[in-house]
Amino acid sequence: MSDGRAKKNGSRISVSLDSLIGDGGAVRDIDEFVEGLDMTEYEIDDVASSGFLKYDTKGMIKLYIYGCRKGIFLPERLAELCRMNAEVMWLLSETTPSAEKIAEFRRENTETLRRVFREFNRRSVQREDLEGEDAVRTLESLDSRSDEYVRVLEGGEGRPSADAVQMSLEDVGTDAAETYSASLERIEKMKVRAREGYFVRDEKNFVVYCPGGLLRQKAVREDGTVTYASEKACRRCSLSRLCMTIEREYVSLDFPKGCEEIPCEGVLAEMSRK
């Protein structure tokens, strides 16, 4: 594969990561699959107007296949995996794309990701030597999961079904499926609380759910205080007039260490008048 030497003969940490990954498993399946892709078959806009590479296309595909397998779709969370998860660090040869680049790749190549996921699903069934009804049923389940993952990426309606959550691209077992379901339940509860007039912090996904949308992590101070903001989201939000200040035309919130929610006084006051 094209980056094999970089993974096995590079820095000390690369050697260590390679030994941690082992000789088999889904991570090496992902790597082998993507390295063997004929990229001319996929319409991917990976070069900027200036002529420079916008991102490592194969690395991004590996990251999103891994994210689909694990049920991780937020770009901030995927970016964190690139810095902290041994499997992802190995897959991407220790490159660390930003959350913005990861999100940009998704926006520009959603349909391509859908096609790649389905081809990976087909290869996965072939590796298991499944035949007949077992092969058809397994492929349908894998496609259902990956299609719902893409719908989440697109911000489509609803959330992944229980059947899609249960089936992974590898046999991760009931515990992993239940963990994914619990994560979705936790996020939904935070969004409900936010709609009641609060800024609710989701530390695991580096975001704050607000009454009208989502704020993203922007900075972390030495004392543990984290700043969240999203100028674009505030411009589109119908509730922004209740949150704005004279100093700023968008919301910027500082969450001290340990703080989980902050009341949105303007929205709460508006609700009390109704």
C-alpha atoms as a PDB file:
ATOM      1  CA  MET A   1       0.000   0.000   0.000  1.00  0.00           C
ATOM      2  CA  SER A   2       1.169   3.536  -0.698  1.00  0.00           C
ATOM      3  CA  ASP A   3       1.887   4.636   2.871  1.00  0.00           C
ATOM      4  CA  GLY A   4       3.027   1.299   4.294  1.00  0.00           C
ATOM      5  CA  ARG A   5       6.611   2.399   4.861  1.00  0.00           C
ATOM      6  CA  ALA A   6       5.489   5.550   6.653  1.00  0.00           C
ATOM      7  CA  LYS A   7       3.440   3.462   9.055  1.00  0.00           C
ATOM      8  CA  LYS A   8       6.024   0.781   9.732  1.00  0.00           C
ATOM      9  CA  ASN A   9       9.373   2.522   9.348  1.00  0.00           C
ATOM     10  CA  GLY A  10       8.616   6.090  10.403  1.00  0.00           C
ATOM     11  CA  SER A  11       8.805   7.620  13.845  1.00  0.00           C
ATOM     12  CA  ARG A  12       8.923   5.623  17.057  1.00  0.00           C
ATOM     13  CA  ILE A  13       5.259   6.207  17.703  1.00  0.00           C
ATOM     14  CA  SER A  14       4.398   4.807  14.248  1.00  0.00           C
ATOM     15  CA  VAL A  15       6.176   1.547  15.081  1.00  0.00           C
ATOM     16  CA  SER A  16       4.388   1.440  18.422  1.00  0.00           C
ATOM     17  CA  LEU A  17       1.013   2.088  16.781  1.00  0.00           C
ATOM     18  CA  ASP A  18       1.611  -0.637  14.215  1.00  0.00           C
ATOM     19  CA  SER A  19       2.332  -3.145  16.959  1.00  0.00           C
ATOM     20  CA  LEU A  20      -0.821  -2.066  18.803  1.00  0.00           C
ATOM     21  CA  ILE A  21      -3.020  -2.619  15.754  1.00  0.00           C
ATOM     22  CA  GLY A  22      -2.021  -6.257  15.318  1.00  0.00           C
ATOM     23  CA  ASP A  23      -2.092  -8.356  12.162  1.00  0.00           C
ATOM     24  CA  GLY A  24      -5.823  -8.540  11.528  1.00  0.00           C
ATOM     25  CA  GLY A  25      -9.122  -6.900  12.334  1.00  0.00           C
ATOM     26  CA  ALA A  26     -11.417  -4.246  10.905  1.00  0.00           C
ATOM     27  CA  VAL A  27      -8.856  -1.429  10.972  1.00  0.00           C
ATOM     28  CA  ARG A  28      -6.507  -3.248   8.612  1.00  0.00           C
ATOM     29  CA  ASP A  29      -9.519  -4.223   6.486  1.00  0.00           C
ATOM     30  CA  ILE A  30     -10.407  -0.534   6.156  1.00  0.00           C
ATOM     31  CA  ASP A  31      -6.832   0.379   5.264  1.00  0.00           C
ATOM     32  CA  GLU A  32      -6.476  -2.360   2.654  1.00  0.00           C
ATOM     33  CA  PHE A  33      -9.862  -1.564   1.129  1.00  0.00           C
ATOM     34  CA  VAL A  34      -9.261   2.183   0.734  1.00  0.00           C
ATOM     35  CA  GLU A  35      -5.693   1.794  -0.526  1.00  0.00           C
ATOM     36  CA  GLY A  36      -7.019  -0.534  -3.210  1.00  0.00           C
ATOM     37  CA  LEU A  37      -9.746   1.854  -4.406  1.00  0.00           C
ATOM     38  CA  ASP A  38      -9.543   3.171  -7.950  1.00  0.00           C
ATOM     39  CA  MET A  39     -10.174   6.830  -7.178  1.00  0.00           C
ATOM     40  CA  THR A  40     -10.943   7.620 -10.828  1.00  0.00           C
ATOM     41  CA  GLU A  41     -14.284   5.869 -10.288  1.00  0.00           C
ATOM     42  CA  TYR A  42     -15.296   8.431  -7.653  1.00  0.00           C
ATOM     43  CA  GLU A  43     -15.935  12.093  -8.338  1.00  0.00           C
ATOM     44  CA  ILE A  44     -14.044  13.721  -5.479  1.00  0.00           C
ATOM     45  CA  ASP A  45     -13.101  17.380  -5.498  1.00  0.00           C
ATOM     46  CA  ASP A  46      -9.803  17.072  -3.629  1.00  0.00           C
ATOM     47  CA  VAL A  47      -7.900  19.936  -5.261  1.00  0.00           C
ATOM     48  CA  ALA A  48      -8.501  23.614  -4.447  1.00  0.00           C
ATOM     49  CA  SER A  49      -8.773  26.298  -7.138  1.00  0.00           C
ATOM     50  CA  SER A  50      -5.165  27.231  -6.325  1.00  0.00           C
ATOM     51  CA  GLY A  51      -4.049  23.762  -7.395  1.00  0.00           C
ATOM     52  CA  PHE A  52      -3.039  22.639  -3.903  1.00  0.00           C
ATOM     53  CA  LEU A  53      -4.354  19.464  -2.284  1.00  0.00           C
ATOM     54  CA  LYS A  54      -7.326  20.316  -0.076  1.00  0.00           C
ATOM     55  CA  TYR A  55      -7.077  17.169   2.019  1.00  0.00           C
ATOM     56  CA  ASP A  56      -5.784  13.593   1.975  1.00  0.00           C
ATOM     57  CA  THR A  57      -8.700  11.995   0.155  1.00  0.00           C
ATOM     58  CA  LYS A  58      -7.966   8.398   1.100  1.00  0.00           C
ATOM     59  CA  GLY A  59      -7.276   9.396   4.685  1.00  0.00           C
ATOM     60  CA  MET A  60     -10.656  11.117   4.898  1.00  0.00           C
ATOM     61  CA  ILE A  61     -12.420   8.074   3.454  1.00  0.00           C
ATOM     62  CA  LYS A  62     -10.711   5.819   5.997  1.00  0.00           C
ATOM     63  CA  LEU A  63     -11.753   8.186   8.786  1.00  0.00           C
ATOM     64  CA  TYR A  64     -15.396   8.216   7.728  1.00  0.00           C
ATOM     65  CA  ILE A  65     -15.555   4.430   7.282  1.00  0.00           C
ATOM     66  CA  TYR A  66     -14.176   4.129  10.809  1.00  0.00           C
ATOM     67  CA  GLY A  67     -16.686   6.733  12.020  1.00  0.00           C
ATOM     68  CA  CYS A  68     -19.546   4.846  10.360  1.00  0.00           C
ATOM     69  CA  ARG A  69     -18.436   1.582  11.982  1.00  0.00           C
ATOM     70  CA  LYS A  70     -18.285   3.217  15.421  1.00  0.00           C
ATOM     71  CA  GLY A  71     -21.307   5.495  15.044  1.00  0.00           C
ATOM     72  CA  ILE A  72     -19.253   8.719  15.319  1.00  0.00           C
ATOM     73  CA  PHE A  73     -20.387  11.495  12.992  1.00  0.00           C
ATOM     74  CA  LEU A  74     -19.540  14.894  14.509  1.00  0.00           C
ATOM     75  CA  PRO A  75     -16.414  16.352  12.818  1.00  0.00           C
ATOM     76  CA  GLU A  76     -15.079  17.604  16.162  1.00  0.00           C
ATOM     77  CA  ARG A  77     -15.218  14.083  17.568  1.00  0.00           C
ATOM     78  CA  LEU A  78     -13.595  12.616  14.443  1.00  0.00           C
ATOM     79  CA  ALA A  79     -10.831  15.224  14.666  1.00  0.00           C
ATOM     80  CA  GLU A  80     -10.239  14.243  18.285  1.00  0.00           C
ATOM     81  CA  LEU A  81      -9.865  10.597  17.244  1.00  0.00           C
ATOM     82  CA  CYS A  82      -7.113  11.627  14.813  1.00  0.00           C
ATOM     83  CA  ARG A  83      -5.119  12.966  17.777  1.00  0.00           C
ATOM     84  CA  MET A  84      -5.948  10.445  20.484  1.00  0.00           C
ATOM     85  CA  ASN A  85      -7.175   7.113  19.059  1.00  0.00           C
ATOM     86  CA  ALA A  86      -4.387   4.640  18.176  1.00  0.00           C
ATOM     87  CA  GLU A  87      -6.406   2.932  15.434  1.00  0.00           C
ATOM     88  CA  VAL A  88      -7.278   6.204  13.691  1.00  0.00           C
ATOM     89  CA  MET A  89      -3.772   7.592  14.116  1.00  0.00           C
ATOM     90  CA  TRP A  90      -2.453   4.465  12.394  1.00  0.00           C
ATOM     91  CA  LEU A  91      -5.061   4.652   9.628  1.00  0.00           C
ATOM     92  CA  LEU A  92      -4.192   8.285   8.838  1.00  0.00           C
ATOM     93  CA  SER A  93      -0.412   7.872   9.323  1.00  0.00           C
ATOM     94  CA  GLU A  94      -0.612  10.341  12.215  1.00  0.00           C
ATOM     95  CA  THR A  95      -2.007  13.208  10.145  1.00  0.00           C
ATOM     96  CA  THR A  96      -4.419  15.407  12.090  1.00  0.00           C
ATOM     97  CA  PRO A  97      -7.013  17.094   9.856  1.00  0.00           C
ATOM     98  CA  SER A  98      -9.034  19.840  11.495  1.00  0.00           C
ATOM     99  CA  ALA A  99     -12.727  19.497  12.225  1.00  0.00           C
ATOM    100  CA  GLU A 100     -13.340  22.127   9.550  1.00  0.00           C
ATOM    101  CA  LYS A 101     -11.540  20.072   6.877  1.00  0.00           C
ATOM    102  CA  ILE A 102     -13.341  16.906   7.947  1.00  0.00           C
ATOM    103  CA  ALA A 103     -16.708  18.674   7.729  1.00  0.00           C
ATOM    104  CA  GLU A 104     -15.780  20.218   4.366  1.00  0.00           C
ATOM    105  CA  PHE A 105     -14.936  16.802   2.917  1.00  0.00           C
ATOM    106  CA  ARG A 106     -18.276  15.446   4.107  1.00  0.00           C
ATOM    107  CA  ARG A 107     -20.211  18.375   2.620  1.00  0.00           C
ATOM    108  CA  GLU A 108     -18.552  18.008  -0.772  1.00  0.00           C
ATOM    109  CA  ASN A 109     -18.510  14.211  -0.990  1.00  0.00           C
ATOM    110  CA  THR A 110     -21.577  12.853   0.821  1.00  0.00           C
ATOM    111  CA  GLU A 111     -22.842  10.820  -2.116  1.00  0.00           C
ATOM    112  CA  THR A 112     -19.354   9.453  -2.748  1.00  0.00           C
ATOM    113  CA  LEU A 113     -19.166   8.339   0.883  1.00  0.00           C
ATOM    114  CA  ARG A 114     -22.490   6.534   0.464  1.00  0.00           C
ATOM    115  CA  ARG A 115     -21.102   4.645  -2.552  1.00  0.00           C
ATOM    116  CA  VAL A 116     -17.836   3.829  -0.769  1.00  0.00           C
ATOM    117  CA  PHE A 117     -19.680   2.561   2.319  1.00  0.00           C
ATOM    118  CA  ARG A 118     -21.818   0.256   0.201  1.00  0.00           C
ATOM    119  CA  GLU A 119     -18.781  -1.140  -1.616  1.00  0.00           C
ATOM    120  CA  PHE A 120     -17.036  -1.699   1.722  1.00  0.00           C
ATOM    121  CA  ASN A 121     -20.150  -3.477   2.972  1.00  0.00           C
ATOM    122  CA  ARG A 122     -20.108  -5.756  -0.069  1.00  0.00           C
ATOM    123  CA  ARG A 123     -16.429  -6.580   0.466  1.00  0.00           C
ATOM    124  CA  SER A 124     -17.107  -7.234   4.163  1.00  0.00           C
ATOM    125  CA  VAL A 125     -19.739  -9.836   3.264  1.00  0.00           C
ATOM    126  CA  GLN A 126     -17.307 -11.444   0.811  1.00  0.00           C
ATOM    127  CA  ARG A 127     -14.611 -11.668   3.493  1.00  0.00           C
ATOM    128  CA  GLU A 128     -17.016 -13.532   5.759  1.00  0.00           C
ATOM    129  CA  ASP A 129     -17.697 -16.093   2.972  1.00  0.00           C
ATOM    130  CA  LEU A 130     -21.433 -15.678   3.438  1.00  0.00           C
ATOM    131  CA  GLU A 131     -23.759 -17.118   0.829  1.00  0.00           C
ATOM    132  CA  GLY A 132     -27.430 -17.131  -0.115  1.00  0.00           C
ATOM    133  CA  GLU A 133     -29.957 -15.614   2.269  1.00  0.00           C
ATOM    134  CA  ASP A 134     -27.332 -15.019   4.966  1.00  0.00           C
ATOM    135  CA  ALA A 135     -25.287 -12.869   2.575  1.00  0.00           C
ATOM    136  CA  VAL A 136     -28.330 -10.906   1.390  1.00  0.00           C
ATOM    137  CA  ARG A 137     -29.641 -10.323   4.907  1.00  0.00           C
ATOM    138  CA  THR A 138     -26.234  -9.242   6.238  1.00  0.00           C
ATOM    139  CA  LEU A 139     -25.606  -6.881   3.313  1.00  0.00           C
ATOM    140  CA  GLU A 140     -29.048  -5.299   3.709  1.00  0.00           C
ATOM    141  CA  SER A 141     -28.358  -4.692   7.392  1.00  0.00           C
ATOM    142  CA  LEU A 142     -24.939  -3.189   6.704  1.00  0.00           C
ATOM    143  CA  ASP A 143     -26.346  -0.942   3.978  1.00  0.00           C
ATOM    144  CA  SER A 144     -29.183   0.149   6.278  1.00  0.00           C
ATOM    145  CA  ARG A 145     -26.703   1.200   8.949  1.00  0.00           C
ATOM    146  CA  SER A 146     -24.371   3.040   6.597  1.00  0.00           C
ATOM    147  CA  ASP A 147     -27.262   4.786   4.804  1.00  0.00           C
ATOM    148  CA  GLU A 148     -28.619   6.035   8.119  1.00  0.00           C
ATOM    149  CA  TYR A 149     -25.137   7.194   9.079  1.00  0.00           C
ATOM    150  CA  VAL A 150     -25.029   9.245   5.866  1.00  0.00           C
ATOM    151  CA  ARG A 151     -28.463  10.697   6.652  1.00  0.00           C
ATOM    152  CA  VAL A 152     -27.145  11.812  10.040  1.00  0.00           C
ATOM    153  CA  LEU A 153     -24.163  13.411   8.296  1.00  0.00           C
ATOM    154  CA  GLU A 154     -26.536  15.239   5.973  1.00  0.00           C
ATOM    155  CA  GLY A 155     -28.612  16.438   8.917  1.00  0.00           C
ATOM    156  CA  GLY A 156     -31.637  14.551   7.649  1.00  0.00           C
ATOM    157  CA  GLU A 157     -34.790  13.820   9.589  1.00  0.00           C
ATOM    158  CA  GLY A 158     -34.898  11.371  12.439  1.00  0.00           C
ATOM    159  CA  ARG A 159     -32.105   9.451  14.115  1.00  0.00           C
ATOM    160  CA  PRO A 160     -30.613   6.035  13.371  1.00  0.00           C
ATOM    161  CA  SER A 161     -33.013   3.194  13.967  1.00  0.00           C
ATOM    162  CA  ALA A 162     -32.427   0.500  16.556  1.00  0.00           C
ATOM    163  CA  ASP A 163     -31.790  -2.039  13.783  1.00  0.00           C
ATOM    164  CA  ALA A 164     -29.168   0.171  12.170  1.00  0.00           C
ATOM    165  CA  VAL A 165     -27.481   0.793  15.503  1.00  0.00           C
ATOM    166  CA  GLN A 166     -27.426  -2.906  16.312  1.00  0.00           C
ATOM    167  CA  MET A 167     -25.581  -3.886  13.137  1.00  0.00           C
ATOM    168  CA  SER A 168     -21.962  -2.783  12.862  1.00  0.00           C
ATOM    169  CA  LEU A 169     -19.425  -3.287  10.098  1.00  0.00           C
ATOM    170  CA  GLU A 170     -17.762  -5.736  12.480  1.00  0.00           C
ATOM    171  CA  ASP A 171     -19.119  -7.850  15.304  1.00  0.00           C
ATOM    172  CA  VAL A 172     -18.829  -5.247  18.056  1.00  0.00           C
ATOM    173  CA  GLY A 173     -21.444  -6.960  20.193  1.00  0.00           C
ATOM    174  CA  THR A 174     -24.521  -5.808  22.137  1.00  0.00           C
ATOM    175  CA  ASP A 175     -22.581  -3.623  24.565  1.00  0.00           C
ATOM    176  CA  ALA A 176     -21.257  -1.393  21.780  1.00  0.00           C
ATOM    177  CA  ALA A 177     -24.705  -1.068  20.202  1.00  0.00           C
ATOM    178  CA  GLU A 178     -26.221  -0.172  23.566  1.00  0.00           C
ATOM    179  CA  THR A 179     -23.472   2.407  24.129  1.00  0.00           C
ATOM    180  CA  TYR A 180     -24.278   4.022  20.777  1.00  0.00           C
ATOM    181  CA  SER A 181     -27.998   4.064  21.603  1.00  0.00           C
ATOM    182  CA  ALA A 182     -27.252   5.576  25.021  1.00  0.00           C
ATOM    183  CA  SER A 183     -25.158   8.281  23.370  1.00  0.00           C
ATOM    184  CA  LEU A 184     -28.013   9.223  21.051  1.00  0.00           C
ATOM    185  CA  GLU A 185     -30.433   9.287  23.999  1.00  0.00           C
ATOM    186  CA  ARG A 186     -28.070  11.551  25.925  1.00  0.00           C
ATOM    187  CA  ILE A 187     -27.787  13.982  23.018  1.00  0.00           C
ATOM    188  CA  GLU A 188     -31.564  14.063  22.523  1.00  0.00           C
ATOM    189  CA  LYS A 189     -32.095  14.905  26.212  1.00  0.00           C
ATOM    190  CA  MET A 190     -29.585  17.757  25.923  1.00  0.00           C
ATOM    191  CA  LYS A 191     -31.406  19.146  22.882  1.00  0.00           C
ATOM    192  CA  VAL A 192     -34.741  19.001  24.718  1.00  0.00           C
ATOM    193  CA  ARG A 193     -33.243  20.873  27.663  1.00  0.00           C
ATOM    194  CA  ALA A 194     -31.772  23.471  25.278  1.00  0.00           C
ATOM    195  CA  ARG A 195     -35.175  24.088  23.708  1.00  0.00           C
ATOM    196  CA  GLU A 196     -36.455  24.859  27.202  1.00  0.00           C
ATOM    197  CA  GLY A 197     -34.213  27.937  27.240  1.00  0.00           C
ATOM    198  CA  TYR A 198     -30.709  26.768  28.152  1.00  0.00           C
ATOM    199  CA  PHE A 199     -27.248  26.514  26.659  1.00  0.00           C
ATOM    200  CA  VAL A 200     -26.342  22.855  27.328  1.00  0.00           C
ATOM    201  CA  ARG A 201     -22.752  21.710  27.069  1.00  0.00           C
ATOM    202  CA  ASP A 202     -21.808  18.396  25.429  1.00  0.00           C
ATOM    203  CA  GLU A 203     -18.150  17.966  26.378  1.00  0.00           C
ATOM    204  CA  LYS A 204     -17.803  14.643  24.574  1.00  0.00           C
ATOM    205  CA  ASN A 205     -18.697  16.179  21.209  1.00  0.00           C
ATOM    206  CA  PHE A 206     -17.158  19.649  21.790  1.00  0.00           C
ATOM    207  CA  VAL A 207     -20.430  21.513  21.247  1.00  0.00           C
ATOM    208  CA  VAL A 208     -23.128  23.442  23.113  1.00  0.00           C
ATOM    209  CA  TYR A 209     -26.790  22.899  22.234  1.00  0.00           C
ATOM    210  CA  CYS A 210     -28.697  26.174  22.357  1.00  0.00           C
ATOM    211  CA  PRO A 211     -32.420  27.002  22.072  1.00  0.00           C
ATOM    212  CA  GLY A 212     -32.121  27.536  18.326  1.00  0.00           C
ATOM    213  CA  GLY A 213     -29.180  25.460  17.194  1.00  0.00           C
ATOM    214  CA  LEU A 214     -25.573  24.561  17.936  1.00  0.00           C
ATOM    215  CA  LEU A 215     -22.431  26.360  19.125  1.00  0.00           C
ATOM    216  CA  ARG A 216     -18.966  24.869  18.535  1.00  0.00           C
ATOM    217  CA  GLN A 217     -15.884  24.842  20.722  1.00  0.00           C
ATOM    218  CA  LYS A 218     -13.493  27.663  19.808  1.00  0.00           C
ATOM    219  CA  ALA A 219     -10.895  27.961  22.576  1.00  0.00           C
ATOM    220  CA  VAL A 220      -9.712  26.390  25.836  1.00  0.00           C
ATOM    221  CA  ARG A 221      -7.993  28.462  28.542  1.00  0.00           C
ATOM    222  CA  GLU A 222      -5.411  27.323  31.060  1.00  0.00           C
ATOM    223  CA  ASP A 223      -7.973  27.368  33.881  1.00  0.00           C
ATOM    224  CA  GLY A 224     -10.201  24.946  31.982  1.00  0.00           C
ATOM    225  CA  THR A 225     -12.710  27.535  30.743  1.00  0.00           C
ATOM    226  CA  VAL A 226     -13.992  26.666  27.255  1.00  0.00           C
ATOM    227  CA  THR A 227     -15.408  29.169  24.762  1.00  0.00           C
ATOM    228  CA  TYR A 228     -18.198  28.182  22.373  1.00  0.00           C
ATOM    229  CA  ALA A 229     -19.523  30.255  19.456  1.00  0.00           C
ATOM    230  CA  SER A 230     -20.928  30.047  15.924  1.00  0.00           C
ATOM    231  CA  GLU A 231     -21.368  33.264  14.003  1.00  0.00           C
ATOM    232  CA  LYS A 232     -22.984  31.529  11.007  1.00  0.00           C
ATOM    233  CA  ALA A 233     -25.483  29.636  13.160  1.00  0.00           C
ATOM    234  CA  CYS A 234     -26.513  32.827  14.955  1.00  0.00           C
ATOM    235  CA  ARG A 235     -27.098  34.631  11.669  1.00  0.00           C
ATOM    236  CA  ARG A 236     -29.557  31.915  10.603  1.00  0.00           C
ATOM    237  CA  CYS A 237     -31.236  31.482  13.984  1.00  0.00           C
ATOM    238  CA  SER A 238     -34.742  32.911  14.470  1.00  0.00           C
ATOM    239  CA  LEU A 239     -34.068  33.309  18.215  1.00  0.00           C
ATOM    240  CA  SER A 240     -30.821  35.252  17.825  1.00  0.00           C
ATOM    241  CA  ARG A 241     -32.488  38.570  18.699  1.00  0.00           C
ATOM    242  CA  LEU A 242     -33.065  37.187  22.210  1.00  0.00           C
ATOM    243  CA  CYS A 243     -29.421  36.251  22.723  1.00  0.00           C
ATOM    244  CA  MET A 244     -27.441  39.055  21.076  1.00  0.00           C
ATOM    245  CA  THR A 245     -25.534  41.716  22.961  1.00  0.00           C
ATOM    246  CA  ILE A 246     -24.477  45.226  21.977  1.00  0.00           C
ATOM    247  CA  GLU A 247     -20.853  44.090  21.882  1.00  0.00           C
ATOM    248  CA  ARG A 248     -21.405  41.123  19.564  1.00  0.00           C
ATOM    249  CA  GLU A 249     -23.719  40.150  16.724  1.00  0.00           C
ATOM    250  CA  TYR A 250     -23.435  36.490  17.688  1.00  0.00           C
ATOM    251  CA  VAL A 251     -23.343  34.424  20.868  1.00  0.00           C
ATOM    252  CA  SER A 252     -19.980  33.607  22.461  1.00  0.00           C
ATOM    253  CA  LEU A 253     -20.175  31.685  25.725  1.00  0.00           C
ATOM    254  CA  ASP A 254     -17.511  30.851  28.305  1.00  0.00           C
ATOM    255  CA  PHE A 255     -18.191  27.623  30.207  1.00  0.00           C
ATOM    256  CA  PRO A 256     -16.073  27.309  33.383  1.00  0.00           C
ATOM    257  CA  LYS A 257     -14.652  23.887  34.150  1.00  0.00           C
ATOM    258  CA  GLY A 258     -17.425  21.619  35.416  1.00  0.00           C
ATOM    259  CA  CYS A 259     -20.267  23.851  34.196  1.00  0.00           C
ATOM    260  CA  GLU A 260     -22.888  21.884  32.265  1.00  0.00           C
ATOM    261  CA  GLU A 261     -25.499  24.502  31.347  1.00  0.00           C
ATOM    262  CA  ILE A 262     -26.119  28.254  31.281  1.00  0.00           C
ATOM    263  CA  PRO A 263     -29.600  29.798  31.158  1.00  0.00           C
ATOM    264  CA  CYS A 264     -30.480  31.880  28.113  1.00  0.00           C
ATOM    265  CA  GLU A 265     -32.130  34.793  29.889  1.00  0.00           C
ATOM    266  CA  GLY A 266     -33.671  36.296  26.756  1.00  0.00           C
ATOM    267  CA  VAL A 267     -35.359  33.076  25.676  1.00  0.00           C
ATOM    268  CA  LEU A 268     -36.552  32.278  29.217  1.00  0.00           C
ATOM    269  CA  ALA A 269     -38.019  35.767  29.549  1.00  0.00           C
ATOM    270  CA  GLU A 270     -39.796  35.401  26.199  1.00  0.00           C
ATOM    271  CA  MET A 271     -41.222  32.033  27.262  1.00  0.00           C
ATOM    272  CA  SER A 272     -42.480  33.434  30.555  1.00  0.00           C
ATOM    273  CA  ARG A 273     -44.474  36.085  28.697  1.00  0.00           C
ATOM    274  CA  LYS A 274     -46.331  33.506  26.597  1.00  0.00           C
END
